[in-house]
Structures are given as structure tokens and as C-alpha cells.
Amino acid sequence: MALVENLLEFLELDFNGENVTVDGNPVVGMFDKEFAAALDIEGDLPVLICREADVSSAAHGTAVVRSGTSYTVVGMQPDGAGMIALILEQV
């Protein structure tokens, strides 16, 4: 019998999840700003981690809004287990 995880448990609003919109649709995800450096340029790399099924229509250029701040998707990193990291760029 296969193990089935309830991925929403990882995104509970009381714990570390928050409401955002992806392509105008409400999604619960975890937002993070990771440190990034390349070619002597340093900065923050905003990332939204959410269930892949909740953002199945997301693609490069998709709009994401978090707490009134607008972003676009510039990268997508599925983990193979049902979650995905959307790499964002602030608009």
C-alpha cells in the first residue's frame, strides 16, 4: 500500500503557510526570500513553495501576489512529491 501524504498539513496557515494568489487564484503556500549571489551580484531570491496541483497552470511569466506585492514566475522547481517551488521576481 502506498503512503499518501496530506500536503496541506505542511502549509497550514497557523504554522507557516499564507494566502497568496497565483494567476488570480487563491493558493496557500510558504513564502521565503533566500539569499542569492551570482557574478558578484548579491540579492534576495523570492520563492513560493506550494502544492503542484494548486498551480498546475503556472508557467514562466505567471502573476503572483503576496501581501499586496506583485511578482512574476521566473522559474519552477517541482520536487517530484507533489510540491513545487516557484522562483519569483518582484515586478
N, C-alpha and C. Protein backbone atom coordinates (compact mmCIF):
# COMPACT_ATOMS: atom_id res chain seq x y z
N MET A 1 0.84 -1.17 0.00
CA MET A 1 0.00 0.00 0.00
C MET A 1 0.89 1.25 0.00
N ALA A 2 0.57 2.19 -0.86
CA ALA A 2 1.37 3.41 -0.99
C ALA A 2 1.06 4.39 0.13
N LEU A 3 2.08 5.08 0.57
CA LEU A 3 1.92 6.11 1.58
C LEU A 3 1.39 7.37 0.90
N VAL A 4 0.32 7.94 1.44
CA VAL A 4 -0.28 9.14 0.86
C VAL A 4 -0.19 10.25 1.90
N GLU A 5 0.49 11.33 1.54
CA GLU A 5 0.65 12.47 2.44
C GLU A 5 -0.41 13.52 2.15
N ASN A 6 -0.90 14.16 3.19
CA ASN A 6 -1.77 15.32 3.03
C ASN A 6 -0.86 16.53 2.99
N LEU A 7 -0.54 16.99 1.80
CA LEU A 7 0.43 18.08 1.64
C LEU A 7 -0.04 19.38 2.25
N LEU A 8 -1.36 19.55 2.41
CA LEU A 8 -1.86 20.77 3.03
C LEU A 8 -1.42 20.91 4.48
N GLU A 9 -1.11 19.79 5.15
CA GLU A 9 -0.64 19.86 6.53
C GLU A 9 0.67 20.66 6.63
N PHE A 10 1.48 20.63 5.59
CA PHE A 10 2.74 21.38 5.59
C PHE A 10 2.52 22.87 5.39
N LEU A 11 1.33 23.24 4.92
CA LEU A 11 1.06 24.62 4.55
C LEU A 11 0.01 25.28 5.45
N GLU A 12 -0.23 24.73 6.62
CA GLU A 12 -1.26 25.28 7.50
C GLU A 12 -1.01 26.75 7.79
N LEU A 13 -2.09 27.53 7.73
CA LEU A 13 -1.98 28.97 7.95
C LEU A 13 -1.50 29.29 9.36
N ASP A 14 -1.84 28.45 10.33
CA ASP A 14 -1.42 28.70 11.71
C ASP A 14 0.07 28.42 11.91
N PHE A 15 0.68 27.70 11.00
CA PHE A 15 2.07 27.29 11.17
C PHE A 15 2.99 28.13 10.28
N ASN A 16 3.04 27.86 9.00
CA ASN A 16 3.96 28.61 8.14
C ASN A 16 3.37 28.97 6.78
N GLY A 17 2.13 28.60 6.54
CA GLY A 17 1.50 28.91 5.27
C GLY A 17 0.86 30.29 5.28
N GLU A 18 0.64 30.81 4.09
CA GLU A 18 -0.05 32.09 3.96
C GLU A 18 -0.84 32.11 2.66
N ASN A 19 -1.84 32.97 2.61
CA ASN A 19 -2.66 33.11 1.42
C ASN A 19 -1.97 34.01 0.40
N VAL A 20 -1.90 33.53 -0.83
CA VAL A 20 -1.37 34.31 -1.95
C VAL A 20 -2.29 34.06 -3.14
N THR A 21 -2.10 34.80 -4.22
CA THR A 21 -2.81 34.47 -5.45
C THR A 21 -1.79 34.15 -6.54
N VAL A 22 -2.10 33.12 -7.29
CA VAL A 22 -1.27 32.71 -8.41
C VAL A 22 -2.17 32.70 -9.63
N ASP A 23 -1.87 33.55 -10.58
CA ASP A 23 -2.68 33.71 -11.79
C ASP A 23 -4.13 34.04 -11.42
N GLY A 24 -4.29 34.84 -10.35
CA GLY A 24 -5.61 35.28 -9.91
C GLY A 24 -6.36 34.29 -9.04
N ASN A 25 -5.79 33.11 -8.79
CA ASN A 25 -6.45 32.07 -8.00
C ASN A 25 -5.85 32.00 -6.60
N PRO A 26 -6.69 31.86 -5.56
CA PRO A 26 -6.16 31.77 -4.20
C PRO A 26 -5.39 30.46 -3.99
N VAL A 27 -4.23 30.58 -3.35
CA VAL A 27 -3.37 29.44 -3.08
C VAL A 27 -2.78 29.63 -1.69
N VAL A 28 -2.58 28.54 -0.97
CA VAL A 28 -1.86 28.58 0.30
C VAL A 28 -0.45 28.07 0.03
N GLY A 29 0.54 28.85 0.46
CA GLY A 29 1.92 28.45 0.25
C GLY A 29 2.84 29.03 1.30
N MET A 30 4.10 28.65 1.22
CA MET A 30 5.13 29.18 2.11
C MET A 30 6.01 30.11 1.29
N PHE A 31 6.16 31.34 1.74
CA PHE A 31 6.96 32.33 1.03
C PHE A 31 8.30 32.47 1.74
N ASP A 32 9.36 32.58 0.96
CA ASP A 32 10.68 32.76 1.53
C ASP A 32 11.49 33.66 0.60
N LYS A 33 12.39 34.41 1.17
CA LYS A 33 13.34 35.19 0.38
C LYS A 33 14.72 34.65 0.72
N GLU A 34 15.24 33.83 -0.18
CA GLU A 34 16.55 33.23 0.01
C GLU A 34 17.64 34.17 -0.48
N PHE A 35 18.80 34.06 0.11
CA PHE A 35 19.95 34.84 -0.36
C PHE A 35 20.47 34.20 -1.64
N ALA A 36 20.79 35.02 -2.63
CA ALA A 36 21.34 34.53 -3.89
C ALA A 36 22.52 35.40 -4.30
N ALA A 37 23.52 34.78 -4.91
CA ALA A 37 24.67 35.53 -5.41
C ALA A 37 25.14 34.88 -6.71
N ALA A 38 25.41 35.71 -7.70
CA ALA A 38 25.94 35.22 -8.98
C ALA A 38 26.69 36.36 -9.65
N LEU A 39 27.84 36.05 -10.19
CA LEU A 39 28.64 37.03 -10.93
C LEU A 39 28.85 38.32 -10.14
N ASP A 40 29.20 38.18 -8.88
CA ASP A 40 29.46 39.31 -7.98
C ASP A 40 28.24 40.19 -7.73
N ILE A 41 27.03 39.65 -7.97
CA ILE A 41 25.79 40.37 -7.66
C ILE A 41 25.08 39.59 -6.57
N GLU A 42 24.70 40.28 -5.51
CA GLU A 42 24.02 39.65 -4.38
C GLU A 42 22.62 40.22 -4.24
N GLY A 43 21.72 39.39 -3.74
CA GLY A 43 20.36 39.88 -3.52
C GLY A 43 19.47 38.79 -2.97
N ASP A 44 18.19 39.10 -2.88
CA ASP A 44 17.20 38.15 -2.39
C ASP A 44 16.53 37.46 -3.56
N LEU A 45 16.21 36.19 -3.36
CA LEU A 45 15.52 35.40 -4.35
C LEU A 45 14.19 34.96 -3.74
N PRO A 46 13.07 35.64 -4.08
CA PRO A 46 11.79 35.25 -3.51
C PRO A 46 11.32 33.92 -4.08
N VAL A 47 10.82 33.05 -3.20
CA VAL A 47 10.37 31.71 -3.58
C VAL A 47 9.03 31.43 -2.90
N LEU A 48 8.10 30.86 -3.66
CA LEU A 48 6.82 30.40 -3.11
C LEU A 48 6.77 28.89 -3.24
N ILE A 49 6.63 28.20 -2.12
CA ILE A 49 6.52 26.74 -2.12
C ILE A 49 5.05 26.40 -1.87
N CYS A 50 4.48 25.60 -2.78
CA CYS A 50 3.07 25.25 -2.66
C CYS A 50 2.82 23.88 -3.30
N ARG A 51 1.57 23.44 -3.23
CA ARG A 51 1.23 22.17 -3.87
C ARG A 51 1.21 22.35 -5.38
N GLU A 52 1.83 21.43 -6.07
CA GLU A 52 1.89 21.49 -7.52
C GLU A 52 0.50 21.48 -8.14
N ALA A 53 -0.42 20.73 -7.56
CA ALA A 53 -1.79 20.64 -8.07
C ALA A 53 -2.51 21.99 -8.00
N ASP A 54 -2.14 22.83 -7.03
CA ASP A 54 -2.79 24.13 -6.86
C ASP A 54 -2.34 25.15 -7.90
N VAL A 55 -1.21 24.90 -8.54
CA VAL A 55 -0.67 25.86 -9.52
C VAL A 55 -0.35 25.16 -10.83
N SER A 56 -1.18 24.20 -11.20
CA SER A 56 -0.91 23.39 -12.40
C SER A 56 -0.86 24.22 -13.68
N SER A 57 -1.51 25.38 -13.69
CA SER A 57 -1.48 26.22 -14.90
C SER A 57 -0.34 27.25 -14.87
N ALA A 58 0.43 27.27 -13.80
CA ALA A 58 1.52 28.25 -13.69
C ALA A 58 2.61 27.96 -14.72
N ALA A 59 3.18 29.04 -15.23
CA ALA A 59 4.27 28.96 -16.20
C ALA A 59 5.15 30.20 -16.01
N HIS A 60 6.25 30.26 -16.71
CA HIS A 60 7.09 31.45 -16.65
C HIS A 60 6.24 32.66 -17.05
N GLY A 61 6.29 33.72 -16.24
CA GLY A 61 5.51 34.92 -16.51
C GLY A 61 4.19 34.99 -15.77
N THR A 62 3.78 33.92 -15.10
CA THR A 62 2.54 33.92 -14.33
C THR A 62 2.62 34.92 -13.19
N ALA A 63 1.52 35.64 -12.96
CA ALA A 63 1.47 36.64 -11.90
C ALA A 63 1.22 35.98 -10.54
N VAL A 64 1.95 36.45 -9.52
CA VAL A 64 1.79 36.03 -8.13
C VAL A 64 1.69 37.29 -7.29
N VAL A 65 0.70 37.34 -6.39
CA VAL A 65 0.54 38.49 -5.50
C VAL A 65 0.57 38.00 -4.07
N ARG A 66 1.43 38.62 -3.27
CA ARG A 66 1.55 38.28 -1.84
C ARG A 66 1.54 39.58 -1.05
N SER A 67 0.60 39.72 -0.16
CA SER A 67 0.51 40.89 0.73
C SER A 67 0.62 42.20 -0.06
N GLY A 68 -0.04 42.26 -1.20
CA GLY A 68 -0.05 43.48 -1.99
C GLY A 68 1.17 43.69 -2.87
N THR A 69 2.14 42.80 -2.83
CA THR A 69 3.33 42.91 -3.66
C THR A 69 3.20 41.95 -4.84
N SER A 70 3.49 42.46 -6.04
CA SER A 70 3.34 41.66 -7.26
C SER A 70 4.67 41.05 -7.68
N TYR A 71 4.61 39.81 -8.12
CA TYR A 71 5.76 39.06 -8.62
C TYR A 71 5.38 38.37 -9.91
N THR A 72 6.37 37.92 -10.65
CA THR A 72 6.14 37.02 -11.77
C THR A 72 7.01 35.79 -11.58
N VAL A 73 6.52 34.67 -12.09
CA VAL A 73 7.26 33.41 -12.00
C VAL A 73 8.39 33.44 -13.04
N VAL A 74 9.62 33.20 -12.57
CA VAL A 74 10.77 33.15 -13.47
C VAL A 74 11.43 31.77 -13.47
N GLY A 75 10.96 30.88 -12.60
CA GLY A 75 11.49 29.52 -12.53
C GLY A 75 10.54 28.62 -11.78
N MET A 76 10.62 27.34 -12.10
CA MET A 76 9.75 26.36 -11.45
C MET A 76 10.57 25.12 -11.11
N GLN A 77 10.48 24.68 -9.84
CA GLN A 77 11.26 23.54 -9.40
C GLN A 77 10.37 22.53 -8.68
N PRO A 78 9.73 21.61 -9.42
CA PRO A 78 8.93 20.58 -8.76
C PRO A 78 9.84 19.62 -7.99
N ASP A 79 9.34 19.12 -6.85
CA ASP A 79 10.18 18.22 -6.05
C ASP A 79 9.91 16.75 -6.34
N GLY A 80 8.96 16.45 -7.22
CA GLY A 80 8.66 15.06 -7.55
C GLY A 80 7.74 14.39 -6.55
N ALA A 81 7.35 15.09 -5.48
CA ALA A 81 6.49 14.52 -4.45
C ALA A 81 5.20 15.32 -4.28
N GLY A 82 4.91 16.19 -5.24
CA GLY A 82 3.66 16.94 -5.18
C GLY A 82 3.79 18.40 -4.79
N MET A 83 4.98 18.82 -4.43
CA MET A 83 5.22 20.22 -4.08
C MET A 83 6.06 20.87 -5.19
N ILE A 84 5.99 22.20 -5.27
CA ILE A 84 6.77 22.92 -6.26
C ILE A 84 7.26 24.24 -5.67
N ALA A 85 8.45 24.63 -6.04
CA ALA A 85 8.98 25.94 -5.66
C ALA A 85 8.87 26.84 -6.88
N LEU A 86 8.12 27.91 -6.74
CA LEU A 86 8.02 28.91 -7.80
C LEU A 86 9.05 29.99 -7.50
N ILE A 87 10.01 30.15 -8.37
CA ILE A 87 11.03 31.18 -8.22
C ILE A 87 10.43 32.47 -8.79
N LEU A 88 10.47 33.52 -7.99
CA LEU A 88 9.75 34.75 -8.33
C LEU A 88 10.70 35.93 -8.54
N GLU A 89 10.17 36.92 -9.26
CA GLU A 89 10.86 38.19 -9.43
C GLU A 89 9.85 39.28 -9.15
N GLN A 90 10.21 40.22 -8.28
CA GLN A 90 9.28 41.31 -7.95
C GLN A 90 9.09 42.22 -9.15
N VAL A 91 7.84 42.60 -9.38
CA VAL A 91 7.51 43.48 -10.51
C VAL A 91 7.65 44.91 -10.10
